[in-house]
Amino acid sequence: MIAAAVGGGASRWQLLLTTAARVGAVNALLIGLGAALLTGVSDGSPTLAIALGVAVALLAFAAQLAFIKRASIRLSG
């Protein structure tokens, strides 16, 4: 709160504590789970399905955090 009062933006760690980041984490988890399930259904090995699901979930979460960061910069000034 003090950083916002003196004109500074929220740090990366503070953005992780927002409701938007938590919703983004759940969305990323579901997207990764969907990718893993689709890989498993299409006769992929379980190891490949898990690895792909984790990679897709991490990429989805990173993209959503980047969006939250851009939106918070745009809204703050």
N, C-alpha and C. Protein backbone atom coordinates (compact mmCIF):
# COMPACT_ATOMS: atom_id res chain seq x y z
N MET A 1 0.80 -1.19 0.00
CA MET A 1 0.00 0.00 0.00
C MET A 1 0.85 1.26 0.00
N ILE A 2 1.96 1.24 0.75
CA ILE A 2 2.81 2.43 0.81
C ILE A 2 3.43 2.71 -0.54
N ALA A 3 3.86 1.65 -1.24
CA ALA A 3 4.47 1.84 -2.55
C ALA A 3 3.49 2.50 -3.52
N ALA A 4 2.24 2.11 -3.46
CA ALA A 4 1.24 2.71 -4.33
C ALA A 4 1.00 4.16 -3.95
N ALA A 5 1.11 4.49 -2.67
CA ALA A 5 0.87 5.85 -2.22
C ALA A 5 1.96 6.81 -2.68
N VAL A 6 3.18 6.31 -2.83
CA VAL A 6 4.28 7.18 -3.25
C VAL A 6 4.57 7.06 -4.75
N GLY A 7 3.73 6.35 -5.46
CA GLY A 7 3.86 6.28 -6.91
C GLY A 7 4.53 5.03 -7.44
N GLY A 8 4.97 4.14 -6.58
CA GLY A 8 5.58 2.90 -7.04
C GLY A 8 4.52 1.87 -7.35
N GLY A 9 4.85 0.95 -8.22
CA GLY A 9 3.90 -0.11 -8.55
C GLY A 9 4.07 -1.30 -7.62
N ALA A 10 3.18 -2.23 -7.74
CA ALA A 10 3.26 -3.45 -6.93
C ALA A 10 4.40 -4.32 -7.43
N SER A 11 5.09 -4.96 -6.51
CA SER A 11 6.17 -5.86 -6.90
C SER A 11 5.58 -7.16 -7.46
N ARG A 12 6.43 -7.94 -8.05
CA ARG A 12 6.00 -9.22 -8.63
C ARG A 12 5.43 -10.13 -7.54
N TRP A 13 6.04 -10.11 -6.36
CA TRP A 13 5.57 -10.96 -5.27
C TRP A 13 4.22 -10.50 -4.75
N GLN A 14 3.99 -9.19 -4.73
CA GLN A 14 2.70 -8.69 -4.27
C GLN A 14 1.58 -9.06 -5.25
N LEU A 15 1.91 -9.13 -6.53
CA LEU A 15 0.90 -9.51 -7.52
C LEU A 15 0.46 -10.97 -7.35
N LEU A 16 1.34 -11.81 -6.82
CA LEU A 16 0.99 -13.21 -6.60
C LEU A 16 -0.05 -13.38 -5.50
N LEU A 17 -0.22 -12.37 -4.66
CA LEU A 17 -1.15 -12.46 -3.55
C LEU A 17 -2.52 -11.90 -3.88
N THR A 18 -2.75 -11.49 -5.10
CA THR A 18 -4.03 -10.92 -5.48
C THR A 18 -5.03 -12.02 -5.83
N THR A 19 -6.29 -11.67 -5.80
CA THR A 19 -7.33 -12.61 -6.18
C THR A 19 -7.20 -12.99 -7.64
N ALA A 20 -6.82 -12.04 -8.48
CA ALA A 20 -6.66 -12.33 -9.90
C ALA A 20 -5.58 -13.38 -10.13
N ALA A 21 -4.50 -13.32 -9.38
CA ALA A 21 -3.43 -14.31 -9.53
C ALA A 21 -3.90 -15.69 -9.06
N ARG A 22 -4.70 -15.71 -8.03
CA ARG A 22 -5.20 -17.01 -7.54
C ARG A 22 -6.18 -17.62 -8.53
N VAL A 23 -7.03 -16.80 -9.11
CA VAL A 23 -7.93 -17.30 -10.16
C VAL A 23 -7.11 -17.75 -11.36
N GLY A 24 -6.06 -17.00 -11.69
CA GLY A 24 -5.18 -17.39 -12.78
C GLY A 24 -4.49 -18.72 -12.51
N ALA A 25 -4.12 -18.97 -11.26
CA ALA A 25 -3.49 -20.24 -10.90
C ALA A 25 -4.46 -21.40 -11.11
N VAL A 26 -5.71 -21.21 -10.72
CA VAL A 26 -6.71 -22.27 -10.91
C VAL A 26 -6.95 -22.49 -12.41
N ASN A 27 -7.05 -21.39 -13.16
CA ASN A 27 -7.23 -21.52 -14.61
C ASN A 27 -6.05 -22.25 -15.25
N ALA A 28 -4.84 -21.91 -14.84
CA ALA A 28 -3.65 -22.56 -15.39
C ALA A 28 -3.64 -24.05 -15.05
N LEU A 29 -4.05 -24.36 -13.83
CA LEU A 29 -4.12 -25.76 -13.42
C LEU A 29 -5.11 -26.53 -14.30
N LEU A 30 -6.26 -25.94 -14.56
CA LEU A 30 -7.27 -26.61 -15.39
C LEU A 30 -6.81 -26.73 -16.84
N ILE A 31 -6.13 -25.72 -17.35
CA ILE A 31 -5.61 -25.79 -18.72
C ILE A 31 -4.55 -26.88 -18.82
N GLY A 32 -3.64 -26.94 -17.84
CA GLY A 32 -2.62 -27.99 -17.82
C GLY A 32 -3.22 -29.38 -17.68
N LEU A 33 -4.25 -29.49 -16.85
CA LEU A 33 -4.93 -30.77 -16.69
C LEU A 33 -5.59 -31.20 -18.00
N GLY A 34 -6.21 -30.25 -18.68
CA GLY A 34 -6.82 -30.56 -19.98
C GLY A 34 -5.79 -31.03 -20.99
N ALA A 35 -4.64 -30.38 -21.02
CA ALA A 35 -3.58 -30.80 -21.95
C ALA A 35 -3.08 -32.19 -21.60
N ALA A 36 -2.93 -32.47 -20.30
CA ALA A 36 -2.48 -33.80 -19.89
C ALA A 36 -3.51 -34.87 -20.24
N LEU A 37 -4.78 -34.57 -20.02
CA LEU A 37 -5.82 -35.55 -20.34
C LEU A 37 -5.91 -35.80 -21.84
N LEU A 38 -5.81 -34.74 -22.63
CA LEU A 38 -5.84 -34.93 -24.09
C LEU A 38 -4.65 -35.73 -24.58
N THR A 39 -3.49 -35.50 -23.98
CA THR A 39 -2.31 -36.28 -24.36
C THR A 39 -2.48 -37.74 -23.96
N GLY A 40 -3.02 -37.97 -22.77
CA GLY A 40 -3.24 -39.35 -22.32
C GLY A 40 -4.27 -40.08 -23.15
N VAL A 41 -5.33 -39.38 -23.56
CA VAL A 41 -6.38 -39.99 -24.38
C VAL A 41 -5.86 -40.33 -25.77
N SER A 42 -4.94 -39.52 -26.26
CA SER A 42 -4.42 -39.75 -27.62
C SER A 42 -3.24 -40.72 -27.61
N ASP A 43 -3.28 -41.68 -26.69
CA ASP A 43 -2.29 -42.76 -26.60
C ASP A 43 -0.87 -42.28 -26.32
N GLY A 44 -0.74 -41.15 -25.63
CA GLY A 44 0.58 -40.71 -25.18
C GLY A 44 0.94 -41.42 -23.90
N SER A 45 2.22 -41.51 -23.61
CA SER A 45 2.64 -42.16 -22.37
C SER A 45 2.27 -41.26 -21.19
N PRO A 46 2.05 -41.87 -20.03
CA PRO A 46 1.72 -41.06 -18.85
C PRO A 46 2.81 -40.03 -18.50
N THR A 47 4.06 -40.40 -18.71
CA THR A 47 5.16 -39.47 -18.43
C THR A 47 5.09 -38.26 -19.35
N LEU A 48 4.83 -38.50 -20.61
CA LEU A 48 4.70 -37.40 -21.57
C LEU A 48 3.49 -36.54 -21.23
N ALA A 49 2.39 -37.16 -20.85
CA ALA A 49 1.18 -36.42 -20.51
C ALA A 49 1.40 -35.51 -19.30
N ILE A 50 2.07 -36.03 -18.29
CA ILE A 50 2.34 -35.23 -17.09
C ILE A 50 3.29 -34.09 -17.41
N ALA A 51 4.36 -34.38 -18.14
CA ALA A 51 5.33 -33.34 -18.48
C ALA A 51 4.68 -32.25 -19.33
N LEU A 52 3.89 -32.64 -20.29
CA LEU A 52 3.22 -31.65 -21.13
C LEU A 52 2.20 -30.84 -20.33
N GLY A 53 1.47 -31.50 -19.46
CA GLY A 53 0.50 -30.80 -18.62
C GLY A 53 1.15 -29.77 -17.71
N VAL A 54 2.27 -30.13 -17.11
CA VAL A 54 2.99 -29.20 -16.23
C VAL A 54 3.52 -28.03 -17.04
N ALA A 55 4.10 -28.31 -18.20
CA ALA A 55 4.66 -27.25 -19.04
C ALA A 55 3.57 -26.28 -19.50
N VAL A 56 2.44 -26.82 -19.93
CA VAL A 56 1.33 -25.97 -20.38
C VAL A 56 0.77 -25.14 -19.22
N ALA A 57 0.66 -25.75 -18.05
CA ALA A 57 0.15 -25.02 -16.89
C ALA A 57 1.08 -23.88 -16.50
N LEU A 58 2.39 -24.13 -16.52
CA LEU A 58 3.34 -23.08 -16.18
C LEU A 58 3.31 -21.94 -17.20
N LEU A 59 3.22 -22.29 -18.47
CA LEU A 59 3.13 -21.26 -19.51
C LEU A 59 1.84 -20.45 -19.38
N ALA A 60 0.74 -21.13 -19.09
CA ALA A 60 -0.53 -20.43 -18.93
C ALA A 60 -0.50 -19.49 -17.73
N PHE A 61 0.11 -19.94 -16.63
CA PHE A 61 0.20 -19.09 -15.45
C PHE A 61 1.11 -17.89 -15.70
N ALA A 62 2.22 -18.11 -16.40
CA ALA A 62 3.12 -17.00 -16.73
C ALA A 62 2.42 -15.98 -17.61
N ALA A 63 1.65 -16.44 -18.57
CA ALA A 63 0.92 -15.52 -19.45
C ALA A 63 -0.12 -14.74 -18.66
N GLN A 64 -0.80 -15.39 -17.74
CA GLN A 64 -1.81 -14.70 -16.96
C GLN A 64 -1.18 -13.70 -15.99
N LEU A 65 -0.01 -14.02 -15.43
CA LEU A 65 0.69 -13.07 -14.57
C LEU A 65 1.17 -11.86 -15.37
N ALA A 66 1.63 -12.10 -16.59
CA ALA A 66 2.05 -10.98 -17.44
C ALA A 66 0.86 -10.07 -17.73
N PHE A 67 -0.30 -10.65 -17.98
CA PHE A 67 -1.50 -9.85 -18.22
C PHE A 67 -1.88 -9.05 -16.98
N ILE A 68 -1.81 -9.68 -15.80
CA ILE A 68 -2.14 -8.98 -14.56
C ILE A 68 -1.17 -7.82 -14.34
N LYS A 69 0.11 -8.04 -14.59
CA LYS A 69 1.12 -6.99 -14.44
C LYS A 69 0.83 -5.82 -15.38
N ARG A 70 0.51 -6.13 -16.65
CA ARG A 70 0.19 -5.06 -17.62
C ARG A 70 -1.06 -4.31 -17.20
N ALA A 71 -2.06 -5.04 -16.75
CA ALA A 71 -3.31 -4.39 -16.35
C ALA A 71 -3.11 -3.52 -15.12
N SER A 72 -2.28 -3.96 -14.17
CA SER A 72 -2.06 -3.16 -12.97
C SER A 72 -1.26 -1.91 -13.28
N ILE A 73 -0.35 -1.98 -14.24
CA ILE A 73 0.41 -0.79 -14.66
C ILE A 73 -0.53 0.18 -15.36
N ARG A 74 -1.39 -0.33 -16.22
CA ARG A 74 -2.32 0.51 -16.97
C ARG A 74 -3.31 1.20 -16.03
N LEU A 75 -3.77 0.48 -15.02
CA LEU A 75 -4.75 1.06 -14.10
C LEU A 75 -4.13 2.03 -13.10
N SER A 76 -2.84 1.85 -12.80
CA SER A 76 -2.23 2.70 -11.80
C SER A 76 -1.74 4.03 -12.35
N GLY A 77 -1.71 4.15 -13.65
CA GLY A 77 -1.25 5.45 -14.10
C GLY A 77 -1.09 5.53 -15.54
